[in-house]
């Protein structure tokens, strides 16, 4: 299951990377207010998978638990206060779009490495 989680993170990062390189920003698409259900669906998939790993594995996987908590906080923030969430994204994205795309891809790849190495 940990390998599946890491592959999902890598696939998600690849989708962001290749969409940006082809001139279309998947990041911009997902972070539009009208696409909140798609973003929540993706986050819930990651939350379910990380929760399953944390609660069914015998030795406690603290790295996976941290990833689970990060997804849970993201979902709670998005559902609880979407205006704040989108204001933060708009401020960050207005600085430099290339930097934002690169940081999202890098973060997802770091998540994949955390899952594989420490999970």
PDB file of N, CA and C in Angstrom:
ATOM      1  N   UNK A   1       0.816  -1.193   0.000  1.00  0.00           N
ATOM      2  CA  UNK A   1       0.000   0.000   0.000  1.00  0.00           C
ATOM      3  C   UNK A   1       0.862   1.259   0.000  1.00  0.00           C
ATOM      4  N   UNK A   2       2.006   1.189   0.658  1.00  0.00           N
ATOM      5  CA  UNK A   2       2.878   2.354   0.692  1.00  0.00           C
ATOM      6  C   UNK A   2       3.414   2.647  -0.708  1.00  0.00           C
ATOM      7  N   UNK A   3       3.692   1.607  -1.453  1.00  0.00           N
ATOM      8  CA  UNK A   3       4.170   1.794  -2.828  1.00  0.00           C
ATOM      9  C   UNK A   3       3.072   2.431  -3.675  1.00  0.00           C
ATOM     10  N   UNK A   4       1.830   2.008  -3.480  1.00  0.00           N
ATOM     11  CA  UNK A   4       0.705   2.608  -4.200  1.00  0.00           C
ATOM     12  C   UNK A   4       0.587   4.094  -3.855  1.00  0.00           C
ATOM     13  N   UNK A   5       0.721   4.430  -2.583  1.00  0.00           N
ATOM     14  CA  UNK A   5       0.662   5.829  -2.159  1.00  0.00           C
ATOM     15  C   UNK A   5       1.773   6.638  -2.825  1.00  0.00           C
ATOM     16  N   UNK A   6       2.988   6.108  -2.806  1.00  0.00           N
ATOM     17  CA  UNK A   6       4.113   6.810  -3.432  1.00  0.00           C
ATOM     18  C   UNK A   6       3.894   6.970  -4.931  1.00  0.00           C
ATOM     19  N   UNK A   7       3.367   5.948  -5.575  1.00  0.00           N
ATOM     20  CA  UNK A   7       3.090   6.042  -7.015  1.00  0.00           C
ATOM     21  C   UNK A   7       2.002   7.074  -7.312  1.00  0.00           C
ATOM     22  N   UNK A   8       1.010   7.176  -6.444  1.00  0.00           N
ATOM     23  CA  UNK A   8      -0.017   8.203  -6.626  1.00  0.00           C
ATOM     24  C   UNK A   8       0.581   9.605  -6.493  1.00  0.00           C
ATOM     25  N   UNK A   9       1.448   9.796  -5.510  1.00  0.00           N
ATOM     26  CA  UNK A   9       2.115  11.092  -5.368  1.00  0.00           C
ATOM     27  C   UNK A   9       2.968  11.401  -6.603  1.00  0.00           C
ATOM     28  N   UNK A  10       3.702  10.421  -7.090  1.00  0.00           N
ATOM     29  CA  UNK A  10       4.554  10.622  -8.271  1.00  0.00           C
ATOM     30  C   UNK A  10       3.694  10.906  -9.504  1.00  0.00           C
ATOM     31  N   UNK A  11       2.607  10.174  -9.660  1.00  0.00           N
ATOM     32  CA  UNK A  11       1.706  10.417 -10.791  1.00  0.00           C
ATOM     33  C   UNK A  11       1.070  11.795 -10.735  1.00  0.00           C
ATOM     34  N   UNK A  12       0.683  12.213  -9.548  1.00  0.00           N
ATOM     35  CA  UNK A  12       0.096  13.537  -9.352  1.00  0.00           C
ATOM     36  C   UNK A  12       1.127  14.616  -9.687  1.00  0.00           C
ATOM     37  N   UNK A  13       2.371  14.423  -9.240  1.00  0.00           N
ATOM     38  CA  UNK A  13       3.444  15.367  -9.557  1.00  0.00           C
ATOM     39  C   UNK A  13       3.721  15.405 -11.058  1.00  0.00           C
ATOM     40  N   UNK A  14       3.722  14.236 -11.697  1.00  0.00           N
ATOM     41  CA  UNK A  14       3.955  14.175 -13.146  1.00  0.00           C
ATOM     42  C   UNK A  14       2.843  14.883 -13.912  1.00  0.00           C
ATOM     43  N   UNK A  15       1.613  14.743 -13.463  1.00  0.00           N
ATOM     44  CA  UNK A  15       0.501  15.423 -14.118  1.00  0.00           C
ATOM     45  C   UNK A  15       0.668  16.942 -14.031  1.00  0.00           C
ATOM     46  N   UNK A  16       1.067  17.442 -12.866  1.00  0.00           N
ATOM     47  CA  UNK A  16       1.309  18.879 -12.724  1.00  0.00           C
ATOM     48  C   UNK A  16       2.462  19.329 -13.604  1.00  0.00           C
ATOM     49  N   UNK A  17       3.540  18.551 -13.593  1.00  0.00           N
ATOM     50  CA  UNK A  17       4.729  18.915 -14.358  1.00  0.00           C
ATOM     51  C   UNK A  17       4.442  18.952 -15.858  1.00  0.00           C
ATOM     52  N   UNK A  18       3.866  17.883 -16.389  1.00  0.00           N
ATOM     53  CA  UNK A  18       3.648  17.817 -17.832  1.00  0.00           C
ATOM     54  C   UNK A  18       2.553  18.762 -18.305  1.00  0.00           C
ATOM     55  N   UNK A  19       1.570  19.032 -17.472  1.00  0.00           N
ATOM     56  CA  UNK A  19       0.558  20.007 -17.875  1.00  0.00           C
ATOM     57  C   UNK A  19       1.163  21.409 -17.931  1.00  0.00           C
ATOM     58  N   UNK A  20       2.052  21.715 -17.019  1.00  0.00           N
ATOM     59  CA  UNK A  20       2.704  23.021 -17.033  1.00  0.00           C
ATOM     60  C   UNK A  20       3.646  23.153 -18.234  1.00  0.00           C
ATOM     61  N   UNK A  21       4.391  22.102 -18.524  1.00  0.00           N
ATOM     62  CA  UNK A  21       5.319  22.142 -19.652  1.00  0.00           C
ATOM     63  C   UNK A  21       4.596  22.229 -20.995  1.00  0.00           C
ATOM     64  N   UNK A  22       3.368  21.710 -21.061  1.00  0.00           N
ATOM     65  CA  UNK A  22       2.623  21.759 -22.320  1.00  0.00           C
ATOM     66  C   UNK A  22       1.817  23.047 -22.471  1.00  0.00           C
ATOM     67  N   UNK A  23       1.927  23.940 -21.500  1.00  0.00           N
ATOM     68  CA  UNK A  23       1.265  25.230 -21.615  1.00  0.00           C
ATOM     69  C   UNK A  23      -0.087  25.294 -20.926  1.00  0.00           C
ATOM     70  N   UNK A  24      -0.515  24.208 -20.338  1.00  0.00           N
ATOM     71  CA  UNK A  24      -1.776  24.181 -19.610  1.00  0.00           C
ATOM     72  C   UNK A  24      -1.464  23.922 -18.142  1.00  0.00           C
ATOM     73  N   UNK A  25      -2.046  24.675 -17.266  1.00  0.00           N
ATOM     74  CA  UNK A  25      -1.730  24.535 -15.849  1.00  0.00           C
ATOM     75  C   UNK A  25      -2.827  23.757 -15.123  1.00  0.00           C
ATOM     76  N   UNK A  26      -2.533  22.524 -14.790  1.00  0.00           N
ATOM     77  CA  UNK A  26      -3.447  21.724 -13.982  1.00  0.00           C
ATOM     78  C   UNK A  26      -3.613  22.350 -12.609  1.00  0.00           C
ATOM     79  N   UNK A  27      -2.555  22.961 -12.110  1.00  0.00           N
ATOM     80  CA  UNK A  27      -2.611  23.634 -10.817  1.00  0.00           C
ATOM     81  C   UNK A  27      -3.641  24.755 -10.836  1.00  0.00           C
ATOM     82  N   UNK A  28      -3.601  25.599 -11.852  1.00  0.00           N
ATOM     83  CA  UNK A  28      -4.584  26.691 -11.976  1.00  0.00           C
ATOM     84  C   UNK A  28      -5.996  26.131 -12.108  1.00  0.00           C
ATOM     85  N   UNK A  29      -6.141  25.043 -12.844  1.00  0.00           N
ATOM     86  CA  UNK A  29      -7.458  24.439 -13.028  1.00  0.00           C
ATOM     87  C   UNK A  29      -8.024  23.926 -11.703  1.00  0.00           C
ATOM     88  N   UNK A  30      -7.215  23.194 -10.955  1.00  0.00           N
ATOM     89  CA  UNK A  30      -7.692  22.613  -9.699  1.00  0.00           C
ATOM     90  C   UNK A  30      -7.984  23.665  -8.640  1.00  0.00           C
ATOM     91  N   UNK A  31      -7.257  24.768  -8.661  1.00  0.00           N
ATOM     92  CA  UNK A  31      -7.420  25.762  -7.617  1.00  0.00           C
ATOM     93  C   UNK A  31      -8.359  26.898  -7.997  1.00  0.00           C
ATOM     94  N   UNK A  32      -9.228  26.665  -8.982  1.00  0.00           N
ATOM     95  CA  UNK A  32     -10.318  27.599  -9.238  1.00  0.00           C
ATOM     96  C   UNK A  32     -11.450  27.252  -8.284  1.00  0.00           C
ATOM     97  N   UNK A  33     -12.169  28.266  -7.845  1.00  0.00           N
ATOM     98  CA  UNK A  33     -13.252  28.052  -6.872  1.00  0.00           C
ATOM     99  C   UNK A  33     -14.313  27.100  -7.387  1.00  0.00           C
ATOM    100  N   UNK A  34     -14.572  27.113  -8.685  1.00  0.00           N
ATOM    101  CA  UNK A  34     -15.626  26.254  -9.223  1.00  0.00           C
ATOM    102  C   UNK A  34     -15.218  24.772  -9.237  1.00  0.00           C
ATOM    103  N   UNK A  35     -13.933  24.476  -9.086  1.00  0.00           N
ATOM    104  CA  UNK A  35     -13.442  23.096  -9.103  1.00  0.00           C
ATOM    105  C   UNK A  35     -13.125  22.578  -7.704  1.00  0.00           C
ATOM    106  N   UNK A  36     -13.772  23.122  -6.713  1.00  0.00           N
ATOM    107  CA  UNK A  36     -13.518  22.733  -5.326  1.00  0.00           C
ATOM    108  C   UNK A  36     -13.839  21.256  -5.092  1.00  0.00           C
ATOM    109  N   UNK A  37     -14.862  20.732  -5.761  1.00  0.00           N
ATOM    110  CA  UNK A  37     -15.227  19.323  -5.567  1.00  0.00           C
ATOM    111  C   UNK A  37     -14.159  18.379  -6.106  1.00  0.00           C
ATOM    112  N   UNK A  38     -13.524  18.747  -7.206  1.00  0.00           N
ATOM    113  CA  UNK A  38     -12.455  17.915  -7.764  1.00  0.00           C
ATOM    114  C   UNK A  38     -11.259  17.904  -6.811  1.00  0.00           C
ATOM    115  N   UNK A  39     -10.894  19.082  -6.319  1.00  0.00           N
ATOM    116  CA  UNK A  39      -9.774  19.179  -5.382  1.00  0.00           C
ATOM    117  C   UNK A  39     -10.064  18.407  -4.101  1.00  0.00           C
ATOM    118  N   UNK A  40     -11.275  18.540  -3.578  1.00  0.00           N
ATOM    119  CA  UNK A  40     -11.646  17.785  -2.379  1.00  0.00           C
ATOM    120  C   UNK A  40     -11.630  16.286  -2.634  1.00  0.00           C
ATOM    121  N   UNK A  41     -12.069  15.857  -3.797  1.00  0.00           N
ATOM    122  CA  UNK A  41     -12.062  14.428  -4.127  1.00  0.00           C
ATOM    123  C   UNK A  41     -10.646  13.864  -4.133  1.00  0.00           C
ATOM    124  N   UNK A  42      -9.723  14.608  -4.725  1.00  0.00           N
ATOM    125  CA  UNK A  42      -8.331  14.162  -4.761  1.00  0.00           C
ATOM    126  C   UNK A  42      -7.756  14.107  -3.352  1.00  0.00           C
ATOM    127  N   UNK A  43      -8.007  15.133  -2.556  1.00  0.00           N
ATOM    128  CA  UNK A  43      -7.509  15.145  -1.188  1.00  0.00           C
ATOM    129  C   UNK A  43      -8.114  14.015  -0.356  1.00  0.00           C
ATOM    130  N   UNK A  44      -9.383  13.731  -0.564  1.00  0.00           N
ATOM    131  CA  UNK A  44     -10.037  12.651   0.184  1.00  0.00           C
ATOM    132  C   UNK A  44      -9.455  11.295  -0.200  1.00  0.00           C
ATOM    133  N   UNK A  45      -9.127  11.115  -1.466  1.00  0.00           N
ATOM    134  CA  UNK A  45      -8.486   9.861  -1.891  1.00  0.00           C
ATOM    135  C   UNK A  45      -7.166   9.669  -1.155  1.00  0.00           C
ATOM    136  N   UNK A  46      -6.356  10.729  -1.097  1.00  0.00           N
ATOM    137  CA  UNK A  46      -5.086  10.634  -0.370  1.00  0.00           C
ATOM    138  C   UNK A  46      -5.318  10.427   1.119  1.00  0.00           C
ATOM    139  N   UNK A  47      -6.317  11.079   1.679  1.00  0.00           N
ATOM    140  CA  UNK A  47      -6.626  10.911   3.106  1.00  0.00           C
ATOM    141  C   UNK A  47      -7.052   9.481   3.411  1.00  0.00           C
ATOM    142  N   UNK A  48      -7.894   8.906   2.572  1.00  0.00           N
ATOM    143  CA  UNK A  48      -8.353   7.526   2.785  1.00  0.00           C
ATOM    144  C   UNK A  48      -7.182   6.559   2.699  1.00  0.00           C
ATOM    145  N   UNK A  49      -6.341   6.721   1.692  1.00  0.00           N
ATOM    146  CA  UNK A  49      -5.215   5.800   1.523  1.00  0.00           C
ATOM    147  C   UNK A  49      -4.211   5.921   2.673  1.00  0.00           C
ATOM    148  N   UNK A  50      -3.882   7.145   3.069  1.00  0.00           N
ATOM    149  CA  UNK A  50      -2.944   7.299   4.180  1.00  0.00           C
ATOM    150  C   UNK A  50      -3.555   6.800   5.492  1.00  0.00           C
ATOM    151  N   UNK A  51      -4.838   7.042   5.699  1.00  0.00           N
ATOM    152  CA  UNK A  51      -5.508   6.550   6.907  1.00  0.00           C
ATOM    153  C   UNK A  51      -5.504   5.027   6.948  1.00  0.00           C
ATOM    154  N   UNK A  52      -5.770   4.422   5.812  1.00  0.00           N
ATOM    155  CA  UNK A  52      -5.762   2.964   5.741  1.00  0.00           C
ATOM    156  C   UNK A  52      -4.393   2.409   6.115  1.00  0.00           C
ATOM    157  N   UNK A  53      -3.338   3.034   5.606  1.00  0.00           N
ATOM    158  CA  UNK A  53      -1.985   2.577   5.920  1.00  0.00           C
ATOM    159  C   UNK A  53      -1.685   2.759   7.404  1.00  0.00           C
ATOM    160  N   UNK A  54      -2.025   3.919   7.953  1.00  0.00           N
ATOM    161  CA  UNK A  54      -1.716   4.204   9.362  1.00  0.00           C
ATOM    162  C   UNK A  54      -2.470   3.265  10.286  1.00  0.00           C
ATOM    163  N   UNK A  55      -3.743   3.036  10.016  1.00  0.00           N
ATOM    164  CA  UNK A  55      -4.559   2.276  10.956  1.00  0.00           C
ATOM    165  C   UNK A  55      -4.490   0.765  10.767  1.00  0.00           C
ATOM    166  N   UNK A  56      -3.907   0.288   9.669  1.00  0.00           N
ATOM    167  CA  UNK A  56      -3.824  -1.161   9.468  1.00  0.00           C
ATOM    168  C   UNK A  56      -2.412  -1.720   9.552  1.00  0.00           C
ATOM    169  N   UNK A  57      -1.401  -0.860   9.581  1.00  0.00           N
ATOM    170  CA  UNK A  57      -0.033  -1.384   9.651  1.00  0.00           C
ATOM    171  C   UNK A  57       0.364  -1.580  11.108  1.00  0.00           C
ATOM    172  N   UNK A  58       1.062  -2.650  11.355  1.00  0.00           N
ATOM    173  CA  UNK A  58       1.433  -3.012  12.729  1.00  0.00           C
ATOM    174  C   UNK A  58       2.447  -2.065  13.338  1.00  0.00           C
ATOM    175  N   UNK A  59       3.645  -1.902  12.794  1.00  0.00           N
ATOM    176  CA  UNK A  59       4.473  -0.852  13.392  1.00  0.00           C
ATOM    177  C   UNK A  59       3.935   0.498  12.929  1.00  0.00           C
ATOM    178  N   UNK A  60       3.823   1.426  13.858  1.00  0.00           N
ATOM    179  CA  UNK A  60       3.245   2.732  13.552  1.00  0.00           C
ATOM    180  C   UNK A  60       4.094   3.460  12.519  1.00  0.00           C
ATOM    181  N   UNK A  61       3.480   3.898  11.464  1.00  0.00           N
ATOM    182  CA  UNK A  61       4.164   4.628  10.387  1.00  0.00           C
ATOM    183  C   UNK A  61       3.975   6.123  10.628  1.00  0.00           C
ATOM    184  N   UNK A  62       4.891   6.736  11.365  1.00  0.00           N
ATOM    185  CA  UNK A  62       4.725   8.139  11.738  1.00  0.00           C
ATOM    186  C   UNK A  62       4.799   9.072  10.538  1.00  0.00           C
ATOM    187  N   UNK A  63       5.611   8.757   9.524  1.00  0.00           N
ATOM    188  CA  UNK A  63       5.713   9.616   8.347  1.00  0.00           C
ATOM    189  C   UNK A  63       4.397   9.633   7.580  1.00  0.00           C
ATOM    190  N   UNK A  64       3.769   8.471   7.476  1.00  0.00           N
ATOM    191  CA  UNK A  64       2.478   8.387   6.793  1.00  0.00           C
ATOM    192  C   UNK A  64       1.412   9.099   7.627  1.00  0.00           C
ATOM    193  N   UNK A  65       1.524   9.014   8.944  1.00  0.00           N
ATOM    194  CA  UNK A  65       0.579   9.716   9.820  1.00  0.00           C
ATOM    195  C   UNK A  65       0.695  11.231   9.648  1.00  0.00           C
ATOM    196  N   UNK A  66       1.908  11.741   9.467  1.00  0.00           N
ATOM    197  CA  UNK A  66       2.099  13.170   9.223  1.00  0.00           C
ATOM    198  C   UNK A  66       1.457  13.567   7.895  1.00  0.00           C
ATOM    199  N   UNK A  67       1.643  12.747   6.869  1.00  0.00           N
ATOM    200  CA  UNK A  67       1.007  13.020   5.580  1.00  0.00           C
ATOM    201  C   UNK A  67      -0.512  12.992   5.717  1.00  0.00           C
ATOM    202  N   UNK A  68      -1.029  12.036   6.485  1.00  0.00           N
ATOM    203  CA  UNK A  68      -2.471  11.943   6.714  1.00  0.00           C
ATOM    204  C   UNK A  68      -2.988  13.211   7.389  1.00  0.00           C
ATOM    205  N   UNK A  69      -2.277  13.673   8.404  1.00  0.00           N
ATOM    206  CA  UNK A  69      -2.693  14.888   9.099  1.00  0.00           C
ATOM    207  C   UNK A  69      -2.634  16.115   8.196  1.00  0.00           C
ATOM    208  N   UNK A  70      -1.651  16.171   7.323  1.00  0.00           N
ATOM    209  CA  UNK A  70      -1.566  17.294   6.387  1.00  0.00           C
ATOM    210  C   UNK A  70      -2.756  17.307   5.436  1.00  0.00           C
ATOM    211  N   UNK A  71      -3.140  16.139   4.933  1.00  0.00           N
ATOM    212  CA  UNK A  71      -4.313  16.066   4.058  1.00  0.00           C
ATOM    213  C   UNK A  71      -5.586  16.410   4.831  1.00  0.00           C
ATOM    214  N   UNK A  72      -5.671  15.941   6.062  1.00  0.00           N
ATOM    215  CA  UNK A  72      -6.843  16.229   6.893  1.00  0.00           C
ATOM    216  C   UNK A  72      -6.966  17.730   7.177  1.00  0.00           C
ATOM    217  N   UNK A  73      -5.863  18.370   7.487  1.00  0.00           N
ATOM    218  CA  UNK A  73      -5.875  19.820   7.727  1.00  0.00           C
ATOM    219  C   UNK A  73      -6.255  20.575   6.458  1.00  0.00           C
ATOM    220  N   UNK A  74      -5.732  20.133   5.322  1.00  0.00           N
ATOM    221  CA  UNK A  74      -6.083  20.773   4.053  1.00  0.00           C
ATOM    222  C   UNK A  74      -7.565  20.664   3.747  1.00  0.00           C
ATOM    223  N   UNK A  75      -8.134  19.502   3.981  1.00  0.00           N
ATOM    224  CA  UNK A  75      -9.564  19.306   3.743  1.00  0.00           C
ATOM    225  C   UNK A  75     -10.384  20.155   4.709  1.00  0.00           C
ATOM    226  N   UNK A  76      -9.995  20.145   5.978  1.00  0.00           N
ATOM    227  CA  UNK A  76     -10.734  20.928   6.974  1.00  0.00           C
ATOM    228  C   UNK A  76     -10.673  22.419   6.648  1.00  0.00           C
ATOM    229  N   UNK A  77      -9.517  22.899   6.218  1.00  0.00           N
ATOM    230  CA  UNK A  77      -9.370  24.305   5.867  1.00  0.00           C
ATOM    231  C   UNK A  77     -10.205  24.637   4.636  1.00  0.00           C
ATOM    232  N   UNK A  78     -10.171  23.769   3.646  1.00  0.00           N
ATOM    233  CA  UNK A  78     -10.917  24.005   2.414  1.00  0.00           C
ATOM    234  C   UNK A  78     -12.418  23.980   2.647  1.00  0.00           C
ATOM    235  N   UNK A  79     -12.885  23.094   3.503  1.00  0.00           N
ATOM    236  CA  UNK A  79     -14.315  23.009   3.787  1.00  0.00           C
ATOM    237  C   UNK A  79     -14.734  24.087   4.783  1.00  0.00           C
ATOM    238  N   UNK A  80     -13.915  24.317   5.800  1.00  0.00           N
ATOM    239  CA  UNK A  80     -14.275  25.241   6.865  1.00  0.00           C
ATOM    240  C   UNK A  80     -14.182  26.702   6.486  1.00  0.00           C
ATOM    241  N   UNK A  81     -13.164  27.074   5.729  1.00  0.00           N
ATOM    242  CA  UNK A  81     -12.960  28.478   5.381  1.00  0.00           C
ATOM    243  C   UNK A  81     -12.389  28.577   3.967  1.00  0.00           C
ATOM    244  N   UNK A  82     -13.214  28.308   2.958  1.00  0.00           N
ATOM    245  CA  UNK A  82     -12.689  28.312   1.586  1.00  0.00           C
ATOM    246  C   UNK A  82     -12.195  29.687   1.128  1.00  0.00           C
ATOM    247  N   UNK A  83     -12.793  30.762   1.623  1.00  0.00           N
ATOM    248  CA  UNK A  83     -12.335  32.092   1.208  1.00  0.00           C
ATOM    249  C   UNK A  83     -10.886  32.335   1.614  1.00  0.00           C
ATOM    250  N   UNK A  84     -10.530  31.978   2.830  1.00  0.00           N
ATOM    251  CA  UNK A  84      -9.158  32.122   3.296  1.00  0.00           C
ATOM    252  C   UNK A  84      -8.212  31.247   2.470  1.00  0.00           C
ATOM    253  N   UNK A  85      -8.638  30.041   2.170  1.00  0.00           N
ATOM    254  CA  UNK A  85      -7.830  29.106   1.393  1.00  0.00           C
ATOM    255  C   UNK A  85      -7.520  29.689   0.014  1.00  0.00           C
ATOM    256  N   UNK A  86      -8.547  30.182  -0.664  1.00  0.00           N
ATOM    257  CA  UNK A  86      -8.343  30.701  -2.013  1.00  0.00           C
ATOM    258  C   UNK A  86      -7.628  32.051  -2.015  1.00  0.00           C
ATOM    259  N   UNK A  87      -7.796  32.867  -0.972  1.00  0.00           N
ATOM    260  CA  UNK A  87      -7.036  34.108  -0.870  1.00  0.00           C
ATOM    261  C   UNK A  87      -5.544  33.809  -0.731  1.00  0.00           C
ATOM    262  N   UNK A  88      -5.214  32.822   0.095  1.00  0.00           N
ATOM    263  CA  UNK A  88      -3.814  32.436   0.265  1.00  0.00           C
ATOM    264  C   UNK A  88      -3.240  31.926  -1.057  1.00  0.00           C
ATOM    265  N   UNK A  89      -4.005  31.130  -1.769  1.00  0.00           N
ATOM    266  CA  UNK A  89      -3.514  30.609  -3.040  1.00  0.00           C
ATOM    267  C   UNK A  89      -3.345  31.736  -4.053  1.00  0.00           C
ATOM    268  N   UNK A  90      -4.297  32.659  -4.127  1.00  0.00           N
ATOM    269  CA  UNK A  90      -4.195  33.767  -5.077  1.00  0.00           C
ATOM    270  C   UNK A  90      -2.981  34.641  -4.795  1.00  0.00           C
ATOM    271  N   UNK A  91      -2.701  34.914  -3.530  1.00  0.00           N
ATOM    272  CA  UNK A  91      -1.524  35.715  -3.170  1.00  0.00           C
ATOM    273  C   UNK A  91      -0.235  35.010  -3.560  1.00  0.00           C
ATOM    274  N   UNK A  92      -0.163  33.724  -3.292  1.00  0.00           N
ATOM    275  CA  UNK A  92       1.041  32.964  -3.595  1.00  0.00           C
ATOM    276  C   UNK A  92       1.228  32.804  -5.100  1.00  0.00           C
ATOM    277  N   UNK A  93       0.155  32.508  -5.807  1.00  0.00           N
ATOM    278  CA  UNK A  93       0.249  32.261  -7.242  1.00  0.00           C
ATOM    279  C   UNK A  93       0.559  33.527  -8.019  1.00  0.00           C
ATOM    280  N   UNK A  94       0.184  34.680  -7.484  1.00  0.00           N
ATOM    281  CA  UNK A  94       0.447  35.925  -8.200  1.00  0.00           C
ATOM    282  C   UNK A  94       1.929  36.301  -8.174  1.00  0.00           C
ATOM    283  N   UNK A  95       2.692  35.744  -7.245  1.00  0.00           N
ATOM    284  CA  UNK A  95       4.118  36.072  -7.156  1.00  0.00           C
ATOM    285  C   UNK A  95       4.884  35.543  -8.352  1.00  0.00           C
ATOM    286  N   UNK A  96       4.823  34.259  -8.584  1.00  0.00           N
ATOM    287  CA  UNK A  96       5.527  33.657  -9.708  1.00  0.00           C
ATOM    288  C   UNK A  96       4.900  32.299 -10.006  1.00  0.00           C
ATOM    289  N   UNK A  97       4.286  32.192 -11.169  1.00  0.00           N
ATOM    290  CA  UNK A  97       3.588  30.959 -11.516  1.00  0.00           C
ATOM    291  C   UNK A  97       4.545  29.784 -11.672  1.00  0.00           C
ATOM    292  N   UNK A  98       5.700  30.017 -12.269  1.00  0.00           N
ATOM    293  CA  UNK A  98       6.672  28.932 -12.442  1.00  0.00           C
ATOM    294  C   UNK A  98       7.170  28.410 -11.101  1.00  0.00           C
ATOM    295  N   UNK A  99       7.389  29.319 -10.165  1.00  0.00           N
ATOM    296  CA  UNK A  99       7.840  28.905  -8.841  1.00  0.00           C
ATOM    297  C   UNK A  99       6.759  28.083  -8.139  1.00  0.00           C
ATOM    298  N   UNK A 100       5.514  28.493  -8.297  1.00  0.00           N
ATOM    299  CA  UNK A 100       4.404  27.778  -7.669  1.00  0.00           C
ATOM    300  C   UNK A 100       4.292  26.361  -8.231  1.00  0.00           C
ATOM    301  N   UNK A 101       4.362  26.238  -9.545  1.00  0.00           N
ATOM    302  CA  UNK A 101       4.283  24.916 -10.182  1.00  0.00           C
ATOM    303  C   UNK A 101       5.440  24.033  -9.729  1.00  0.00           C
ATOM    304  N   UNK A 102       6.633  24.597  -9.696  1.00  0.00           N
ATOM    305  CA  UNK A 102       7.812  23.833  -9.289  1.00  0.00           C
ATOM    306  C   UNK A 102       7.719  23.406  -7.836  1.00  0.00           C
ATOM    307  N   UNK A 103       7.226  24.283  -6.986  1.00  0.00           N
ATOM    308  CA  UNK A 103       7.134  23.929  -5.568  1.00  0.00           C
ATOM    309  C   UNK A 103       6.088  22.846  -5.326  1.00  0.00           C
ATOM    310  N   UNK A 104       4.992  22.854  -6.069  1.00  0.00           N
ATOM    311  CA  UNK A 104       3.976  21.805  -5.905  1.00  0.00           C
ATOM    312  C   UNK A 104       4.537  20.459  -6.354  1.00  0.00           C
ATOM    313  N   UNK A 105       5.202  20.439  -7.497  1.00  0.00           N
ATOM    314  CA  UNK A 105       5.803  19.192  -7.989  1.00  0.00           C
ATOM    315  C   UNK A 105       6.862  18.698  -7.010  1.00  0.00           C
ATOM    316  N   UNK A 106       7.703  19.592  -6.516  1.00  0.00           N
ATOM    317  CA  UNK A 106       8.746  19.208  -5.558  1.00  0.00           C
ATOM    318  C   UNK A 106       8.143  18.664  -4.267  1.00  0.00           C
ATOM    319  N   UNK A 107       7.104  19.306  -3.769  1.00  0.00           N
ATOM    320  CA  UNK A 107       6.452  18.861  -2.539  1.00  0.00           C
ATOM    321  C   UNK A 107       5.863  17.468  -2.707  1.00  0.00           C
ATOM    322  N   UNK A 108       5.206  17.218  -3.822  1.00  0.00           N
ATOM    323  CA  UNK A 108       4.626  15.898  -4.055  1.00  0.00           C
ATOM    324  C   UNK A 108       5.704  14.821  -4.169  1.00  0.00           C
ATOM    325  N   UNK A 109       6.823  15.157  -4.791  1.00  0.00           N
ATOM    326  CA  UNK A 109       7.916  14.183  -4.884  1.00  0.00           C
ATOM    327  C   UNK A 109       8.554  13.934  -3.518  1.00  0.00           C
ATOM    328  N   UNK A 110       8.629  14.958  -2.688  1.00  0.00           N
ATOM    329  CA  UNK A 110       9.131  14.777  -1.317  1.00  0.00           C
ATOM    330  C   UNK A 110       8.172  13.887  -0.530  1.00  0.00           C
ATOM    331  N   UNK A 111       6.868  14.090  -0.706  1.00  0.00           N
ATOM    332  CA  UNK A 111       5.884  13.222  -0.050  1.00  0.00           C
ATOM    333  C   UNK A 111       6.082  11.776  -0.471  1.00  0.00           C
ATOM    334  N   UNK A 112       6.332  11.547  -1.762  1.00  0.00           N
ATOM    335  CA  UNK A 112       6.552  10.184  -2.253  1.00  0.00           C
ATOM    336  C   UNK A 112       7.806   9.577  -1.627  1.00  0.00           C
ATOM    337  N   UNK A 113       8.865  10.373  -1.534  1.00  0.00           N
ATOM    338  CA  UNK A 113      10.088   9.857  -0.921  1.00  0.00           C
ATOM    339  C   UNK A 113       9.891   9.583   0.567  1.00  0.00           C
ATOM    340  N   UNK A 114       9.170  10.458   1.256  1.00  0.00           N
ATOM    341  CA  UNK A 114       8.875  10.202   2.683  1.00  0.00           C
ATOM    342  C   UNK A 114       8.105   8.905   2.858  1.00  0.00           C
ATOM    343  N   UNK A 115       7.136   8.689   1.993  1.00  0.00           N
ATOM    344  CA  UNK A 115       6.333   7.471   2.101  1.00  0.00           C
ATOM    345  C   UNK A 115       7.203   6.236   1.861  1.00  0.00           C
ATOM    346  N   UNK A 116       8.086   6.295   0.868  1.00  0.00           N
ATOM    347  CA  UNK A 116       8.911   5.123   0.555  1.00  0.00           C
ATOM    348  C   UNK A 116      10.022   4.894   1.577  1.00  0.00           C
ATOM    349  N   UNK A 117      10.694   5.944   1.965  1.00  0.00           N
ATOM    350  CA  UNK A 117      11.854   5.785   2.838  1.00  0.00           C
ATOM    351  C   UNK A 117      11.467   5.617   4.292  1.00  0.00           C
ATOM    352  N   UNK A 118      10.577   6.456   4.781  1.00  0.00           N
ATOM    353  CA  UNK A 118      10.243   6.412   6.193  1.00  0.00           C
ATOM    354  C   UNK A 118       8.979   5.633   6.504  1.00  0.00           C
ATOM    355  N   UNK A 119       8.223   5.277   5.472  1.00  0.00           N
ATOM    356  CA  UNK A 119       6.944   4.593   5.684  1.00  0.00           C
ATOM    357  C   UNK A 119       7.031   3.166   5.861  1.00  0.00           C
TER     358      UNK A 119
END
